[in-house]
Protein backbone atom coordinates (compact mmCIF):
# COMPACT_ATOMS: atom_id res chain seq x y z
CA MET A 1 -37.34 -6.61 -10.83
CA PHE A 2 -34.26 -4.41 -11.24
CA GLN A 3 -36.42 -1.58 -12.49
CA THR A 4 -38.68 -1.93 -9.44
CA PHE A 5 -35.69 -1.82 -7.09
CA LYS A 6 -34.26 1.17 -8.95
CA GLU A 7 -37.53 3.09 -8.61
CA TRP A 8 -37.73 2.24 -4.91
CA PHE A 9 -34.06 3.15 -4.29
CA TRP A 10 -34.46 6.58 -5.88
CA LEU A 11 -37.67 7.50 -4.12
CA GLU A 12 -37.59 11.21 -3.40
CA ARG A 13 -38.44 10.72 0.28
CA PHE A 14 -35.13 8.92 0.77
CA TRP A 15 -32.97 11.63 -0.75
CA LEU A 16 -34.71 14.99 -0.72
CA PRO A 17 -36.56 17.15 1.81
CA PRO A 18 -40.38 16.95 1.80
CA THR A 19 -42.08 18.84 -1.05
CA ILE A 20 -38.89 18.71 -3.17
CA LYS A 21 -38.98 16.64 -6.38
CA TRP A 22 -36.22 15.32 -8.64
CA SER A 23 -37.66 17.60 -11.31
CA ASP A 24 -36.53 20.55 -9.20
CA MET A 25 -32.95 19.34 -9.67
CA GLU A 26 -32.94 19.30 -13.46
CA ASP A 27 -30.51 21.49 -15.40
CA ARG A 28 -32.01 24.81 -16.45
CA ASP A 29 -31.03 28.33 -17.43
CA GLY A 30 -27.41 27.32 -17.87
CA LEU A 31 -27.25 25.89 -14.33
CA VAL A 32 -26.02 22.33 -13.83
CA PHE A 33 -27.19 20.19 -10.90
CA VAL A 34 -25.65 17.01 -9.48
CA LYS A 35 -26.57 13.67 -11.02
CA PRO A 36 -25.61 10.20 -9.75
CA SER A 37 -24.32 9.35 -13.22
CA HIS A 38 -21.57 11.94 -12.75
CA LEU A 39 -19.84 9.57 -10.32
CA TYR A 40 -19.39 6.71 -12.82
CA ILE A 41 -16.26 8.41 -14.11
CA THR A 42 -14.52 7.95 -10.74
CA LEU A 43 -13.92 4.23 -11.39
CA PRO A 44 -11.93 4.62 -14.64
CA TYR A 45 -10.18 7.62 -13.08
CA ALA A 46 -9.20 5.39 -10.13
CA LEU A 47 -7.62 2.91 -12.54
CA LEU A 48 -5.86 5.80 -14.25
CA LEU A 49 -4.51 6.90 -10.86
CA LEU A 50 -3.12 3.40 -10.29
CA ILE A 51 -1.25 3.68 -13.60
CA ILE A 52 0.01 7.16 -12.68
CA ARG A 53 1.04 5.79 -9.28
CA TYR A 54 3.11 3.05 -10.91
CA PHE A 55 5.11 5.55 -12.96
CA PHE A 56 5.30 7.99 -10.04
CA GLU A 57 6.83 5.34 -7.78
CA LYS A 58 9.20 4.15 -10.50
CA PHE A 59 10.50 7.50 -11.76
CA ILE A 60 10.02 9.85 -8.79
CA ALA A 61 9.60 8.01 -5.48
CA THR A 62 12.28 5.35 -6.04
CA PRO A 63 15.01 7.80 -7.18
CA LEU A 64 14.10 10.02 -4.22
CA ALA A 65 14.38 7.02 -1.90
CA LYS A 66 17.81 6.18 -3.31
CA ALA A 67 18.88 9.78 -2.82
CA LEU A 68 17.89 9.36 0.83
CA LEU A 69 19.93 6.11 0.93
CA ILE A 70 16.88 3.85 1.11
CA GLU A 71 17.73 0.74 -0.88
CA LYS A 72 15.96 -2.56 -1.36
CA PRO A 73 17.83 -4.84 1.04
CA VAL A 74 19.58 -7.96 -0.18
CA GLN A 75 18.43 -10.74 2.15
CA LYS A 76 21.33 -12.92 3.26
CA ILE A 77 20.22 -16.50 3.82
CA VAL A 78 21.99 -19.82 3.35
CA PRO A 79 19.79 -22.24 1.34
CA ASN A 80 18.69 -25.21 3.44
CA THR A 81 16.23 -27.68 1.94
CA THR A 82 15.19 -29.22 5.27
CA LEU A 83 14.46 -25.87 6.90
CA GLU A 84 12.73 -24.56 3.78
CA ILE A 85 10.36 -27.56 3.64
CA PHE A 86 9.56 -27.16 7.33
CA TYR A 87 9.01 -23.41 6.83
CA LYS A 88 6.56 -23.89 3.95
CA LYS A 89 4.69 -26.99 5.12
CA SER A 90 4.69 -26.68 8.91
CA THR A 91 5.12 -23.22 10.43
CA ARG A 92 7.06 -20.01 10.05
CA HIS A 93 7.48 -19.82 13.83
CA PRO A 94 8.90 -23.17 15.06
CA SER A 95 8.66 -24.04 18.74
CA GLN A 96 11.75 -24.60 20.86
CA SER A 97 11.40 -28.37 20.51
CA ASP A 98 11.11 -27.97 16.71
CA ILE A 99 14.26 -25.85 16.67
CA TYR A 100 16.11 -28.46 18.74
CA GLY A 101 15.08 -31.27 16.35
CA LEU A 102 15.91 -29.25 13.22
CA ALA A 103 19.29 -28.29 14.63
CA LYS A 104 20.16 -31.94 15.20
CA LYS A 105 18.86 -32.91 11.77
CA CYS A 106 20.78 -30.18 9.92
CA ASN A 107 23.90 -30.34 12.08
CA LEU A 108 23.46 -26.70 13.10
CA THR A 109 23.28 -24.93 16.42
CA GLU A 110 19.86 -23.87 17.74
CA ARG A 111 20.96 -20.25 17.39
CA GLN A 112 21.73 -20.78 13.70
CA VAL A 113 18.30 -22.36 13.12
CA GLU A 114 16.56 -19.46 14.89
CA ARG A 115 18.53 -16.97 12.81
CA TRP A 116 17.69 -18.83 9.58
CA PHE A 117 13.94 -18.70 10.32
CA ARG A 118 14.15 -15.05 11.31
CA ARG A 119 15.91 -14.13 8.09
CA ARG A 120 13.50 -16.25 6.06
CA ARG A 121 10.53 -14.45 7.58
CA ASN A 122 12.20 -11.12 6.87
CA GLN A 123 12.39 -12.04 3.18
CA GLU A 124 8.59 -11.89 3.02
CA ARG A 125 8.24 -8.61 4.85
CA PRO A 126 7.73 -5.45 2.81
CA CYS A 127 10.99 -3.56 2.58
CA MET A 128 11.49 0.08 3.50
CA LEU A 129 11.69 1.05 -0.18
CA LYS A 130 8.16 -0.24 -0.78
CA LYS A 131 6.83 1.53 2.30
CA PHE A 132 8.58 4.76 1.31
CA ASN A 133 7.11 4.63 -2.20
CA GLU A 134 3.60 4.13 -0.83
CA ALA A 135 3.96 7.01 1.63
CA CYS A 136 5.50 9.24 -1.04
CA TRP A 137 2.57 8.63 -3.40
CA ARG A 138 -0.01 9.37 -0.69
CA PHE A 139 1.90 12.48 0.38
CA ALA A 140 2.03 13.79 -3.19
CA PHE A 141 -1.66 13.24 -3.83
CA TYR A 142 -2.83 14.55 -0.45
CA LEU A 143 -0.75 17.63 -1.17
CA VAL A 144 -2.47 18.01 -4.56
CA LEU A 145 -5.90 17.51 -2.97
CA THR A 146 -5.20 20.03 -0.22
CA VAL A 147 -3.83 22.71 -2.53
CA ALA A 148 -6.71 22.13 -4.98
CA GLY A 149 -9.23 22.16 -2.12
CA VAL A 150 -7.94 25.48 -0.81
CA GLY A 151 -8.04 26.87 -4.35
CA PHE A 152 -11.58 25.62 -4.82
CA LEU A 153 -12.89 26.94 -1.49
CA TYR A 154 -11.02 30.09 -0.56
CA ASP A 155 -13.59 32.42 -2.21
CA LYS A 156 -16.74 30.48 -1.29
CA PRO A 157 -19.04 32.28 1.20
CA TRP A 158 -20.03 29.08 3.06
CA VAL A 159 -16.43 28.63 4.23
CA TYR A 160 -16.77 31.77 6.33
CA ASP A 161 -20.49 31.65 7.08
CA LEU A 162 -21.91 28.16 7.71
CA TRP A 163 -25.48 29.36 7.26
CA GLU A 164 -24.63 29.74 3.56
CA VAL A 165 -24.24 25.94 3.35
CA TRP A 166 -28.01 25.62 3.56
CA THR A 167 -29.08 28.69 1.58
CA ASP A 168 -31.45 27.53 -1.22
CA TYR A 169 -30.84 23.87 -0.35
CA PRO A 170 -31.28 21.56 -2.22
CA ARG A 171 -31.64 23.78 -5.31
CA GLN A 172 -27.94 24.61 -5.30
CA PRO A 173 -26.24 24.43 -8.72
CA LEU A 174 -23.05 22.45 -9.17
CA LEU A 175 -19.87 24.49 -9.68
CA PRO A 176 -16.98 23.16 -11.81
CA SER A 177 -14.64 23.44 -8.82
CA GLN A 178 -17.00 21.31 -6.72
CA TYR A 179 -17.25 18.73 -9.49
CA TRP A 180 -13.48 18.28 -9.76
CA HIS A 181 -12.97 18.37 -6.00
CA TYR A 182 -15.36 15.42 -5.60
CA ILE A 183 -14.13 13.50 -8.64
CA LEU A 184 -10.47 13.75 -7.60
CA GLU A 185 -11.19 12.79 -4.01
CA MET A 186 -13.45 9.84 -4.82
CA SER A 187 -11.14 8.52 -7.54
CA PHE A 188 -8.24 8.64 -5.10
CA TYR A 189 -10.13 6.70 -2.42
CA TRP A 190 -11.26 4.10 -4.96
CA SER A 191 -7.61 3.67 -6.00
CA LEU A 192 -6.56 3.27 -2.34
CA LEU A 193 -9.24 0.64 -1.88
CA PHE A 194 -8.16 -1.24 -5.03
CA SER A 195 -4.51 -1.25 -3.91
CA LEU A 196 -5.09 -2.41 -0.31
CA GLY A 197 -4.39 -6.01 -1.31
CA SER A 198 -0.92 -5.19 -2.66
CA ASP A 199 0.04 -2.43 -0.21
CA THR A 200 1.88 -3.05 3.04
CA LYS A 201 -0.38 -4.85 5.52
CA ARG A 202 -0.79 -3.18 8.89
CA LYS A 203 -2.61 -3.95 12.09
CA ASP A 204 -5.37 -1.47 11.26
CA PHE A 205 -6.01 -3.02 7.82
CA LEU A 206 -9.71 -3.55 8.62
CA ALA A 207 -10.04 0.00 9.89
CA HIS A 208 -8.59 1.22 6.59
CA VAL A 209 -11.13 -0.83 4.63
CA VAL A 210 -13.96 0.58 6.76
CA HIS A 211 -12.55 4.09 6.44
CA HIS A 212 -12.22 3.96 2.64
CA LEU A 213 -15.69 2.45 2.19
CA ALA A 214 -17.20 4.96 4.62
CA ALA A 215 -15.46 7.82 2.80
CA ILE A 216 -16.67 6.64 -0.63
CA SER A 217 -20.17 6.00 0.71
CA LEU A 218 -20.28 9.40 2.40
CA MET A 219 -19.06 11.23 -0.69
CA SER A 220 -21.43 9.32 -2.98
CA PHE A 221 -24.43 9.92 -0.75
CA SER A 222 -23.62 13.59 -0.17
CA TRP A 223 -23.28 14.01 -3.93
CA CYS A 224 -26.60 12.38 -4.79
CA ALA A 225 -28.46 14.31 -2.08
CA ASN A 226 -26.64 17.52 -3.09
CA TYR A 227 -24.82 18.05 0.20
CA ILE A 228 -21.93 19.32 -1.88
CA ARG A 229 -21.08 22.40 0.14
CA SER A 230 -20.74 20.58 3.44
CA GLY A 231 -19.03 17.69 1.63
CA THR A 232 -16.20 19.87 0.36
CA LEU A 233 -15.67 21.21 3.88
CA VAL A 234 -15.40 17.65 5.24
CA MET A 235 -12.83 16.74 2.60
CA ILE A 236 -10.52 19.71 3.14
CA VAL A 237 -10.60 19.24 6.93
CA HIS A 238 -9.43 15.63 6.53
CA ASP A 239 -6.84 16.12 3.79
CA VAL A 240 -4.87 18.86 5.53
CA ALA A 241 -3.61 16.56 8.32
CA ASP A 242 -2.70 13.59 6.13
CA ILE A 243 0.11 15.50 4.39
CA TRP A 244 2.06 15.70 7.64
CA LEU A 245 1.52 12.04 8.48
CA GLU A 246 2.79 10.78 5.13
CA SER A 247 5.80 13.11 5.16
CA ALA A 248 6.66 11.90 8.69
CA LYS A 249 6.52 8.30 7.43
CA MET A 250 8.83 9.12 4.53
CA PHE A 251 11.50 10.55 6.81
CA SER A 252 11.01 7.69 9.27
CA TYR A 253 11.82 5.18 6.52
CA ALA A 254 14.83 7.33 5.58
CA LYS A 255 16.04 7.16 9.23
CA TRP A 256 15.83 10.94 9.61
CA LYS A 257 14.52 10.53 13.14
CA GLN A 258 14.57 14.16 14.29
CA THR A 259 12.79 15.37 11.14
CA CYS A 260 10.29 12.51 11.45
CA ASN A 261 9.58 13.38 15.08
CA ILE A 262 8.98 17.05 14.29
CA LEU A 263 6.67 16.25 11.38
CA PHE A 264 4.74 13.70 13.42
CA LEU A 265 4.24 16.18 16.27
CA ILE A 266 2.91 18.69 13.72
CA PHE A 267 0.63 15.98 12.32
CA ALA A 268 -0.64 15.09 15.80
CA ALA A 269 -1.42 18.74 16.54
CA VAL A 270 -3.21 19.24 13.20
CA PHE A 271 -5.05 15.91 13.60
CA PHE A 272 -6.44 16.69 17.04
CA ILE A 273 -7.39 20.23 16.03
CA THR A 274 -9.17 19.17 12.83
CA ARG A 275 -10.73 15.90 14.06
CA PHE A 276 -11.65 16.83 17.62
CA ILE A 277 -12.33 20.57 17.41
CA ILE A 278 -13.12 21.66 13.85
CA PHE A 279 -14.95 18.50 12.74
CA PRO A 280 -17.35 18.08 15.69
CA PHE A 281 -17.85 21.76 16.54
CA TRP A 282 -17.86 23.15 13.00
CA ILE A 283 -18.74 20.40 10.52
CA LEU A 284 -21.12 18.35 12.66
CA TYR A 285 -22.71 21.52 13.99
CA CYS A 286 -23.25 22.60 10.40
CA THR A 287 -24.81 19.29 9.27
CA LEU A 288 -26.62 18.29 12.46
CA ILE A 289 -27.93 21.52 13.99
CA LEU A 290 -28.19 24.23 11.32
CA PRO A 291 -30.47 22.31 8.89
CA LEU A 292 -33.16 22.10 11.58
CA TYR A 293 -33.65 25.85 11.29
CA TYR A 294 -34.65 25.36 7.65
CA LEU A 295 -36.11 21.86 7.40
CA GLU A 296 -37.83 19.11 9.32
CA PRO A 297 -35.64 16.01 9.85
CA PHE A 298 -35.85 13.64 6.87
CA PHE A 299 -34.14 10.40 5.85
CA SER A 300 -31.07 11.72 4.01
CA TYR A 301 -30.41 14.23 6.81
CA ILE A 302 -30.39 11.37 9.34
CA PHE A 303 -28.32 9.06 7.13
CA LEU A 304 -25.76 11.75 6.34
CA ASN A 305 -25.17 12.53 9.99
CA LEU A 306 -25.06 8.84 10.90
CA GLN A 307 -22.17 8.39 8.47
CA LEU A 308 -20.41 11.47 9.83
CA LEU A 309 -20.75 10.10 13.37
CA ILE A 310 -19.22 6.78 12.23
CA LEU A 311 -16.38 8.81 10.77
CA GLN A 312 -15.99 10.58 14.09
CA ALA A 313 -15.83 7.19 15.84
CA LEU A 314 -12.94 6.27 13.55
CA HIS A 315 -11.29 9.53 14.56
CA PHE A 316 -11.38 8.37 18.17
CA TYR A 317 -9.79 5.06 17.18
CA TRP A 318 -6.95 6.73 15.28
CA GLY A 319 -6.62 9.33 18.00
CA TYR A 320 -6.06 6.49 20.48
CA LEU A 321 -3.29 5.06 18.27
CA ILE A 322 -1.68 8.49 17.95
CA LEU A 323 -1.70 8.92 21.72
CA LYS A 324 0.06 5.55 22.06
CA ILE A 325 2.73 6.72 19.62
CA LEU A 326 3.09 10.00 21.50
CA LYS A 327 3.43 8.08 24.76
CA SER A 328 6.26 6.06 23.21
CA PHE A 329 7.86 9.33 22.07
CA VAL A 330 7.68 10.88 25.55
CA PHE A 331 9.19 7.86 27.32
CA LYS A 332 11.51 6.50 24.61
CA GLN A 333 12.22 9.68 22.63
CA THR A 334 11.34 7.90 19.39
CA ILE A 335 8.32 7.71 17.12
CA GLN A 336 7.14 4.12 16.68
CA ASP A 337 4.17 3.32 14.42
CA VAL A 338 1.99 1.01 16.52
CA ARG A 339 -0.04 0.15 13.43
CA SER A 340 2.86 -1.56 11.67
CA ASP A 341 3.34 -5.27 11.50
CA ASN A 342 5.83 -6.61 14.01
CA GLU A 343 9.25 -5.82 12.63
CA ASP A 344 11.22 -6.65 15.75
CA ASP A 345 12.80 -9.62 13.99
CA GLY A 346 14.40 -7.36 11.43
CA GLU A 347 15.63 -4.92 14.06
CA GLU A 348 16.92 -7.77 16.22
CA GLU A 349 18.70 -9.20 13.18
CA GLU A 350 20.42 -5.88 12.55
CA GLU A 351 21.43 -5.64 16.21
CA GLU A 352 22.83 -9.19 16.11
CA GLU A 353 24.84 -8.44 12.98
CA GLU A 354 26.20 -5.23 14.51
CA GLU A 355 27.09 -7.09 17.71
CA GLU A 356 28.81 -9.87 15.76
CA ALA A 357 30.68 -7.33 13.64
CA THR A 358 31.82 -5.49 16.77
CA LYS A 359 33.01 -8.73 18.35
CA GLY A 360 34.81 -9.66 15.14
CA LYS A 361 36.62 -6.33 15.11
CA GLU A 362 37.58 -6.74 18.75
CA ARG A 363 39.02 -10.18 18.02
CA ASN A 364 41.00 -8.78 15.10
CA TYR A 365 42.32 -5.93 17.21
CA LEU A 366 43.42 -8.32 19.96
CA LYS A 367 45.11 -10.60 17.44
CA ASN A 368 47.11 -7.63 16.18
CA GLY A 369 48.01 -6.42 19.68
CA LEU A 370 45.50 -3.55 19.60
CA GLY A 371 42.84 -2.61 22.10
CA THR A 372 39.27 -1.89 21.03
CA ASN A 373 40.16 1.79 21.06
CA MET A 374 42.86 1.10 18.42
CA HIS A 375 45.70 1.71 20.92
CA LEU A 376 48.62 -0.68 21.32
CA ILE A 377 48.39 -3.12 24.24
CA SER A 378 51.58 -3.56 26.24
CA ASN A 379 52.80 -7.09 27.00
CA GLY A 380 51.00 -8.60 29.98
CA GLN A 381 48.10 -6.08 29.74
CA HIS A 382 44.51 -6.71 28.77
CA SER A 383 42.01 -4.47 27.06
CA HIS A 384 39.19 -3.33 29.37
């Protein structure tokens, strides 16, 4: 049964243009052609990347984070058995009536109970150090992919003349640079997919799963059908923008707001140029229109372009999120990642602590006869 399915799956009419046989794609005269079995190596390479990532985060990203004064926060919370049991067995977000009852039961104020639950929830949130390490790893590898991609493609004629993408298709031999470009890219996306469960959860988690699966599917299909030349163009167009996004995240976590804002604006510009100008009017034109001058439409041509159109739909989704962030920047003068989990509790906690610390200082100043501006207060005067 498996053999029957395998024979059906690899039918030439699904993968190749009419009149072309798999025998035309066999190695000959020192020329190597793509084979599906080449892609098996991407899975062990993905696991190797996860190991490399572990050591990268431990010995490079974490020391860099500490140099930027990003530390793993020490959560301050007073142990309370009653509140802990309620937190674990009932809900993490108690109602006002629950808070009232718990306050009476624990002999605390309602404000203290609210603060306890807020701090307890914050204990389970990923800290800035973890987010920085993740962004640092992605930045480093996207940088490697982009530099390697430019090195692989700069002297290729189809970069400058799209008609060359389809010259002699599908009897186009595989170049070593194309092999490593695909293997590196696919291994990286497999590793991102494997680590989604342990990485920071965001609101667009499902979109990331769809994106990674679509990217792996697209690369695998383009490899097997020998759409290598157009595939490398798709990869370099996508990688070049991601460097700026990950670097902006790194500086955001380091609280370098001005640097983060500049990098994000650069990312937004590169994103919209590559995803909404170059991709549809260069890549899609190359894969959707130009082949019709050489070939009649066939299954793999349709399937390839269907996947690219799905990818373009994801571009619109992320473009919408970027516009929301830019809107927040215009009106609030700050970059806020709308994809992140709600972290208002943590920010509110910090504001509360700062407010309490300020009030404490003011009380100390008044006790010592000082105003809040550290000047002496004359008898009978009050600090305003």
